[in-house]
Amino acid sequence: MLAVSESGYYRSLKPGPKQERQQRLLVKIKEIIGEHEDNSNYGVQRILLRLSQIGVTTSYSTVYRIMKKHGLLKKVKRHPNGMTREDAAAQKSENLIQRDFRSSAPNQKWLSDITLFRREAISVRGTGLL
């Protein structure tokens, strides 16, 4: 039916040299991850570094492809760059200090930096308290 010889069919079932190499590399990657409990969150760079330390030479893309295929990649947690975004609906606070940070007595002028707060946590916009 398929116009394939019996020997050709069974030869296609046997893994080729590239598949065998990737299978050996997968075994080494799983060994690295299994060495210590903290290794379970290793990314491609750390796995590649550890492979080079034990004498296995391969490329980043090969390690990435193998780890992705077998579900060994972890999702990267993205963190904001620390800058707050301007909210168009919020009103600008009045600048009461006018860049005069000197005071004649303690506890007259209080300032804070809110650039690193989460956006949801900011309810009042402004540069500080007076």
N, C-alpha and C. Protein backbone atom coordinates (compact mmCIF):
# COMPACT_ATOMS: atom_id res chain seq x y z
N MET A 1 0.81 -1.20 0.00
CA MET A 1 0.00 0.00 0.00
C MET A 1 0.85 1.27 0.00
N LEU A 2 1.85 1.33 0.86
CA LEU A 2 2.64 2.55 0.99
C LEU A 2 3.86 2.56 0.08
N ALA A 3 4.10 1.50 -0.64
CA ALA A 3 5.24 1.38 -1.54
C ALA A 3 6.56 1.54 -0.79
N VAL A 4 6.62 0.96 0.41
CA VAL A 4 7.83 0.97 1.22
C VAL A 4 8.20 -0.47 1.51
N SER A 5 9.49 -0.79 1.35
CA SER A 5 9.92 -2.15 1.63
C SER A 5 9.87 -2.42 3.13
N GLU A 6 9.82 -3.69 3.47
CA GLU A 6 9.76 -4.06 4.89
C GLU A 6 11.02 -3.63 5.62
N SER A 7 12.17 -3.81 5.00
CA SER A 7 13.43 -3.41 5.65
C SER A 7 13.52 -1.89 5.79
N GLY A 8 12.99 -1.16 4.81
CA GLY A 8 12.97 0.30 4.90
C GLY A 8 12.09 0.80 6.03
N TYR A 9 10.97 0.12 6.23
CA TYR A 9 10.06 0.49 7.31
C TYR A 9 10.74 0.30 8.67
N TYR A 10 11.38 -0.85 8.87
CA TYR A 10 12.02 -1.11 10.16
C TYR A 10 13.25 -0.23 10.36
N ARG A 11 13.93 0.12 9.30
CA ARG A 11 15.07 1.03 9.40
C ARG A 11 14.59 2.42 9.84
N SER A 12 13.41 2.84 9.39
CA SER A 12 12.89 4.16 9.77
C SER A 12 12.50 4.20 11.26
N LEU A 13 12.19 3.05 11.84
CA LEU A 13 11.85 3.00 13.26
C LEU A 13 13.07 3.15 14.15
N LYS A 14 14.23 2.78 13.64
CA LYS A 14 15.48 2.84 14.41
C LYS A 14 15.95 4.30 14.47
N PRO A 15 16.30 4.80 15.66
CA PRO A 15 16.75 6.20 15.76
C PRO A 15 18.07 6.41 15.03
N GLY A 16 18.18 7.59 14.42
CA GLY A 16 19.40 7.95 13.72
C GLY A 16 20.44 8.49 14.68
N PRO A 17 21.64 8.82 14.16
CA PRO A 17 22.71 9.31 15.04
C PRO A 17 22.35 10.63 15.75
N LYS A 18 21.60 11.51 15.09
CA LYS A 18 21.22 12.77 15.71
C LYS A 18 20.26 12.53 16.87
N GLN A 19 19.31 11.65 16.68
CA GLN A 19 18.35 11.33 17.75
C GLN A 19 19.04 10.66 18.93
N GLU A 20 20.01 9.79 18.64
CA GLU A 20 20.76 9.14 19.73
C GLU A 20 21.56 10.16 20.52
N ARG A 21 22.20 11.11 19.82
CA ARG A 21 22.97 12.16 20.47
C ARG A 21 22.06 13.00 21.37
N GLN A 22 20.87 13.36 20.85
CA GLN A 22 19.93 14.15 21.64
C GLN A 22 19.41 13.36 22.84
N GLN A 23 19.24 12.07 22.67
CA GLN A 23 18.78 11.23 23.78
C GLN A 23 19.85 11.17 24.88
N ARG A 24 21.12 11.01 24.49
CA ARG A 24 22.21 11.01 25.48
C ARG A 24 22.30 12.36 26.19
N LEU A 25 22.10 13.44 25.43
CA LEU A 25 22.15 14.78 26.01
C LEU A 25 20.99 14.99 26.99
N LEU A 26 19.82 14.47 26.65
CA LEU A 26 18.66 14.56 27.54
C LEU A 26 18.94 13.83 28.86
N VAL A 27 19.58 12.67 28.77
CA VAL A 27 19.92 11.92 29.98
C VAL A 27 20.87 12.74 30.85
N LYS A 28 21.87 13.38 30.24
CA LYS A 28 22.82 14.21 31.01
C LYS A 28 22.11 15.41 31.63
N ILE A 29 21.20 16.03 30.89
CA ILE A 29 20.45 17.18 31.42
C ILE A 29 19.62 16.76 32.63
N LYS A 30 18.96 15.62 32.52
CA LYS A 30 18.15 15.13 33.65
C LYS A 30 19.03 14.77 34.84
N GLU A 31 20.24 14.28 34.59
CA GLU A 31 21.18 14.00 35.69
C GLU A 31 21.56 15.30 36.40
N ILE A 32 21.83 16.35 35.61
CA ILE A 32 22.20 17.64 36.20
C ILE A 32 21.06 18.18 37.06
N ILE A 33 19.85 18.09 36.54
CA ILE A 33 18.68 18.58 37.28
C ILE A 33 18.46 17.74 38.54
N GLY A 34 18.74 16.46 38.47
CA GLY A 34 18.55 15.58 39.61
C GLY A 34 19.66 15.61 40.64
N GLU A 35 20.79 16.27 40.35
CA GLU A 35 21.91 16.32 41.29
C GLU A 35 21.54 16.98 42.61
N HIS A 36 20.75 18.03 42.54
CA HIS A 36 20.39 18.79 43.74
C HIS A 36 18.98 19.33 43.55
N GLU A 37 18.27 19.50 44.64
CA GLU A 37 16.87 19.96 44.54
C GLU A 37 16.77 21.37 43.97
N ASP A 38 17.80 22.21 44.18
CA ASP A 38 17.76 23.57 43.65
C ASP A 38 18.00 23.62 42.15
N ASN A 39 18.49 22.54 41.57
CA ASN A 39 18.76 22.52 40.13
C ASN A 39 17.49 22.43 39.30
N SER A 40 16.36 22.20 39.92
CA SER A 40 15.12 22.03 39.16
C SER A 40 14.69 23.31 38.45
N ASN A 41 15.20 24.45 38.90
CA ASN A 41 14.84 25.70 38.23
C ASN A 41 15.97 26.22 37.34
N TYR A 42 16.91 25.36 36.98
CA TYR A 42 17.99 25.76 36.08
C TYR A 42 17.44 26.09 34.71
N GLY A 43 17.97 27.14 34.12
CA GLY A 43 17.62 27.50 32.76
C GLY A 43 18.65 26.94 31.79
N VAL A 44 18.50 27.31 30.53
CA VAL A 44 19.37 26.80 29.48
C VAL A 44 20.82 27.22 29.71
N GLN A 45 21.04 28.47 30.12
CA GLN A 45 22.42 28.95 30.34
C GLN A 45 23.14 28.14 31.41
N ARG A 46 22.48 27.88 32.53
CA ARG A 46 23.13 27.13 33.61
C ARG A 46 23.36 25.68 33.23
N ILE A 47 22.40 25.09 32.52
CA ILE A 47 22.57 23.71 32.07
C ILE A 47 23.74 23.65 31.11
N LEU A 48 23.82 24.61 30.19
CA LEU A 48 24.92 24.65 29.23
C LEU A 48 26.27 24.82 29.93
N LEU A 49 26.32 25.66 30.95
CA LEU A 49 27.55 25.85 31.72
C LEU A 49 27.95 24.55 32.42
N ARG A 50 26.98 23.90 33.04
CA ARG A 50 27.28 22.64 33.74
C ARG A 50 27.72 21.56 32.76
N LEU A 51 27.10 21.50 31.58
CA LEU A 51 27.51 20.52 30.58
C LEU A 51 28.95 20.76 30.14
N SER A 52 29.32 22.03 29.96
CA SER A 52 30.70 22.33 29.57
C SER A 52 31.68 21.97 30.68
N GLN A 53 31.25 22.09 31.95
CA GLN A 53 32.11 21.73 33.07
C GLN A 53 32.38 20.23 33.13
N ILE A 54 31.43 19.43 32.67
CA ILE A 54 31.65 17.98 32.69
C ILE A 54 32.18 17.48 31.35
N GLY A 55 32.49 18.41 30.44
CA GLY A 55 33.15 18.04 29.19
C GLY A 55 32.24 17.74 28.02
N VAL A 56 30.99 18.13 28.08
CA VAL A 56 30.06 17.92 26.97
C VAL A 56 29.96 19.23 26.19
N THR A 57 30.29 19.16 24.90
CA THR A 57 30.24 20.35 24.06
C THR A 57 28.98 20.30 23.20
N THR A 58 28.17 21.35 23.32
CA THR A 58 26.95 21.45 22.52
C THR A 58 26.57 22.92 22.42
N SER A 59 25.54 23.22 21.67
CA SER A 59 25.14 24.61 21.47
C SER A 59 23.95 24.97 22.35
N TYR A 60 23.76 26.26 22.51
CA TYR A 60 22.64 26.79 23.29
C TYR A 60 21.32 26.33 22.68
N SER A 61 21.21 26.45 21.37
CA SER A 61 19.94 26.12 20.72
C SER A 61 19.59 24.65 20.84
N THR A 62 20.59 23.78 20.84
CA THR A 62 20.33 22.35 21.01
C THR A 62 19.78 22.06 22.40
N VAL A 63 20.40 22.64 23.42
CA VAL A 63 19.94 22.44 24.79
C VAL A 63 18.55 23.03 24.96
N TYR A 64 18.33 24.21 24.39
CA TYR A 64 17.01 24.84 24.48
C TYR A 64 15.95 23.97 23.83
N ARG A 65 16.23 23.46 22.64
CA ARG A 65 15.27 22.64 21.91
C ARG A 65 14.92 21.37 22.69
N ILE A 66 15.93 20.72 23.25
CA ILE A 66 15.70 19.48 24.00
C ILE A 66 14.89 19.76 25.27
N MET A 67 15.27 20.82 26.00
CA MET A 67 14.56 21.14 27.23
C MET A 67 13.11 21.54 26.95
N LYS A 68 12.89 22.27 25.87
CA LYS A 68 11.53 22.68 25.52
C LYS A 68 10.68 21.48 25.12
N LYS A 69 11.26 20.57 24.34
CA LYS A 69 10.54 19.40 23.86
C LYS A 69 10.10 18.50 25.01
N HIS A 70 10.90 18.43 26.07
CA HIS A 70 10.61 17.52 27.17
C HIS A 70 10.06 18.24 28.41
N GLY A 71 9.66 19.50 28.24
CA GLY A 71 9.00 20.23 29.32
C GLY A 71 9.90 20.57 30.49
N LEU A 72 11.18 20.81 30.24
CA LEU A 72 12.12 21.11 31.32
C LEU A 72 12.37 22.61 31.48
N LEU A 73 11.79 23.43 30.60
CA LEU A 73 11.97 24.87 30.70
C LEU A 73 10.99 25.43 31.72
N LYS A 74 11.47 26.37 32.49
CA LYS A 74 10.61 27.05 33.46
C LYS A 74 10.19 28.39 32.88
N LYS A 75 8.99 28.82 33.24
CA LYS A 75 8.51 30.10 32.77
C LYS A 75 9.24 31.20 33.54
N VAL A 76 9.75 32.17 32.81
CA VAL A 76 10.52 33.25 33.41
C VAL A 76 9.56 34.24 34.06
N LYS A 77 9.85 34.59 35.29
CA LYS A 77 9.06 35.60 35.96
C LYS A 77 9.59 36.97 35.56
N ARG A 78 8.74 37.76 34.99
CA ARG A 78 9.13 39.09 34.55
C ARG A 78 8.85 40.09 35.66
N HIS A 79 9.80 40.96 35.91
CA HIS A 79 9.64 42.00 36.91
C HIS A 79 9.64 43.35 36.20
N PRO A 80 8.80 44.26 36.63
CA PRO A 80 8.81 45.57 35.99
C PRO A 80 10.13 46.27 36.26
N ASN A 81 10.44 47.23 35.44
CA ASN A 81 11.73 47.90 35.57
C ASN A 81 11.77 48.91 36.70
N GLY A 82 10.74 49.00 37.50
CA GLY A 82 10.77 49.88 38.66
C GLY A 82 10.19 51.26 38.40
N MET A 83 9.81 51.54 37.21
CA MET A 83 9.25 52.86 36.89
C MET A 83 7.73 52.78 36.95
N THR A 84 7.14 53.75 37.60
CA THR A 84 5.68 53.78 37.61
C THR A 84 5.20 54.41 36.32
N ARG A 85 4.09 53.95 35.85
CA ARG A 85 3.52 54.51 34.63
C ARG A 85 2.49 55.57 35.00
N GLU A 86 2.43 56.58 34.21
CA GLU A 86 1.50 57.66 34.49
C GLU A 86 0.07 57.20 34.26
N ASP A 87 -0.78 57.53 35.19
CA ASP A 87 -2.19 57.21 35.07
C ASP A 87 -2.91 58.46 34.56
N ALA A 88 -3.53 58.35 33.40
CA ALA A 88 -4.17 59.50 32.79
C ALA A 88 -5.35 60.00 33.61
N ALA A 89 -6.01 59.10 34.35
CA ALA A 89 -7.19 59.48 35.12
C ALA A 89 -6.82 60.19 36.42
N ALA A 90 -5.62 59.99 36.92
CA ALA A 90 -5.23 60.60 38.19
C ALA A 90 -4.85 62.06 37.99
N GLN A 91 -5.10 62.87 39.01
CA GLN A 91 -4.76 64.28 38.93
C GLN A 91 -3.34 64.47 39.45
N LYS A 92 -2.65 65.43 38.87
CA LYS A 92 -1.31 65.76 39.33
C LYS A 92 -1.41 66.48 40.67
N SER A 93 -0.49 66.16 41.57
CA SER A 93 -0.45 66.84 42.87
C SER A 93 0.26 68.18 42.71
N GLU A 94 -0.12 69.07 43.55
CA GLU A 94 0.50 70.39 43.53
C GLU A 94 1.90 70.30 44.13
N ASN A 95 2.85 70.97 43.53
CA ASN A 95 4.23 70.97 44.01
C ASN A 95 4.37 72.04 45.09
N LEU A 96 4.22 71.63 46.34
CA LEU A 96 4.25 72.58 47.45
C LEU A 96 5.66 72.94 47.88
N ILE A 97 6.61 72.10 47.60
CA ILE A 97 7.98 72.34 48.07
C ILE A 97 8.77 73.24 47.11
N GLN A 98 8.49 73.17 45.85
CA GLN A 98 9.19 73.97 44.82
C GLN A 98 10.71 73.78 44.91
N ARG A 99 11.13 72.53 45.12
CA ARG A 99 12.54 72.13 45.19
C ARG A 99 13.32 72.82 46.32
N ASP A 100 12.62 73.32 47.32
CA ASP A 100 13.28 73.88 48.51
C ASP A 100 13.18 72.82 49.61
N PHE A 101 14.26 72.04 49.78
CA PHE A 101 14.24 70.91 50.70
C PHE A 101 14.75 71.28 52.10
N ARG A 102 15.11 72.52 52.30
CA ARG A 102 15.58 72.97 53.61
C ARG A 102 14.38 73.26 54.51
N SER A 103 14.54 73.00 55.81
CA SER A 103 13.49 73.34 56.77
C SER A 103 14.13 73.94 58.01
N SER A 104 13.37 74.78 58.70
CA SER A 104 13.91 75.46 59.88
C SER A 104 13.84 74.58 61.13
N ALA A 105 13.02 73.55 61.12
CA ALA A 105 12.88 72.67 62.28
C ALA A 105 12.60 71.25 61.79
N PRO A 106 12.84 70.25 62.63
CA PRO A 106 12.56 68.87 62.22
C PRO A 106 11.06 68.63 62.01
N ASN A 107 10.75 67.63 61.22
CA ASN A 107 9.38 67.17 60.94
C ASN A 107 8.48 68.22 60.28
N GLN A 108 9.06 69.12 59.53
CA GLN A 108 8.25 70.09 58.79
C GLN A 108 8.00 69.61 57.36
N LYS A 109 8.99 68.98 56.77
CA LYS A 109 8.86 68.50 55.39
C LYS A 109 9.22 67.03 55.34
N TRP A 110 8.32 66.24 54.80
CA TRP A 110 8.54 64.81 54.65
C TRP A 110 8.42 64.48 53.17
N LEU A 111 9.37 63.70 52.66
CA LEU A 111 9.35 63.31 51.25
C LEU A 111 9.55 61.81 51.14
N SER A 112 9.03 61.25 50.09
CA SER A 112 9.26 59.82 49.83
C SER A 112 9.35 59.60 48.33
N ASP A 113 9.91 58.48 47.98
CA ASP A 113 10.04 58.08 46.58
C ASP A 113 9.10 56.90 46.36
N ILE A 114 8.15 57.04 45.47
CA ILE A 114 7.17 55.98 45.25
C ILE A 114 7.39 55.26 43.93
N THR A 115 8.55 55.42 43.32
CA THR A 115 8.75 54.83 41.99
C THR A 115 8.81 53.32 42.01
N LEU A 116 9.09 52.68 43.14
CA LEU A 116 9.22 51.23 43.16
C LEU A 116 7.99 50.50 43.69
N PHE A 117 6.93 51.23 44.03
CA PHE A 117 5.72 50.58 44.48
C PHE A 117 4.97 49.98 43.30
N ARG A 118 4.24 48.91 43.58
CA ARG A 118 3.40 48.33 42.53
C ARG A 118 2.33 49.33 42.13
N ARG A 119 1.97 49.29 40.89
CA ARG A 119 1.01 50.24 40.35
C ARG A 119 -0.35 50.13 41.04
N GLU A 120 -0.78 48.90 41.38
CA GLU A 120 -2.07 48.71 42.02
C GLU A 120 -2.08 49.27 43.44
N ALA A 121 -0.91 49.35 44.07
CA ALA A 121 -0.83 49.78 45.46
C ALA A 121 -0.88 51.31 45.59
N ILE A 122 -0.68 52.02 44.50
CA ILE A 122 -0.66 53.48 44.56
C ILE A 122 -2.09 53.99 44.40
N SER A 123 -2.58 54.66 45.42
CA SER A 123 -3.92 55.22 45.31
C SER A 123 -3.88 56.73 45.19
N VAL A 124 -2.85 57.34 45.75
CA VAL A 124 -2.71 58.79 45.69
C VAL A 124 -1.41 59.11 44.99
N ARG A 125 -1.51 59.94 43.97
CA ARG A 125 -0.29 60.32 43.25
C ARG A 125 0.30 61.56 43.90
N GLY A 126 1.60 61.65 43.86
CA GLY A 126 2.27 62.82 44.42
C GLY A 126 3.69 62.49 44.74
N THR A 127 4.42 63.48 45.20
CA THR A 127 5.82 63.28 45.49
C THR A 127 6.10 63.09 46.96
N GLY A 128 5.17 63.33 47.82
CA GLY A 128 5.45 63.14 49.23
C GLY A 128 4.41 63.79 50.12
N LEU A 129 4.69 63.79 51.38
CA LEU A 129 3.80 64.37 52.37
C LEU A 129 4.41 65.66 52.90
N LEU A 130 3.58 66.60 53.26
CA LEU A 130 4.07 67.85 53.85
C LEU A 130 3.52 68.02 55.23
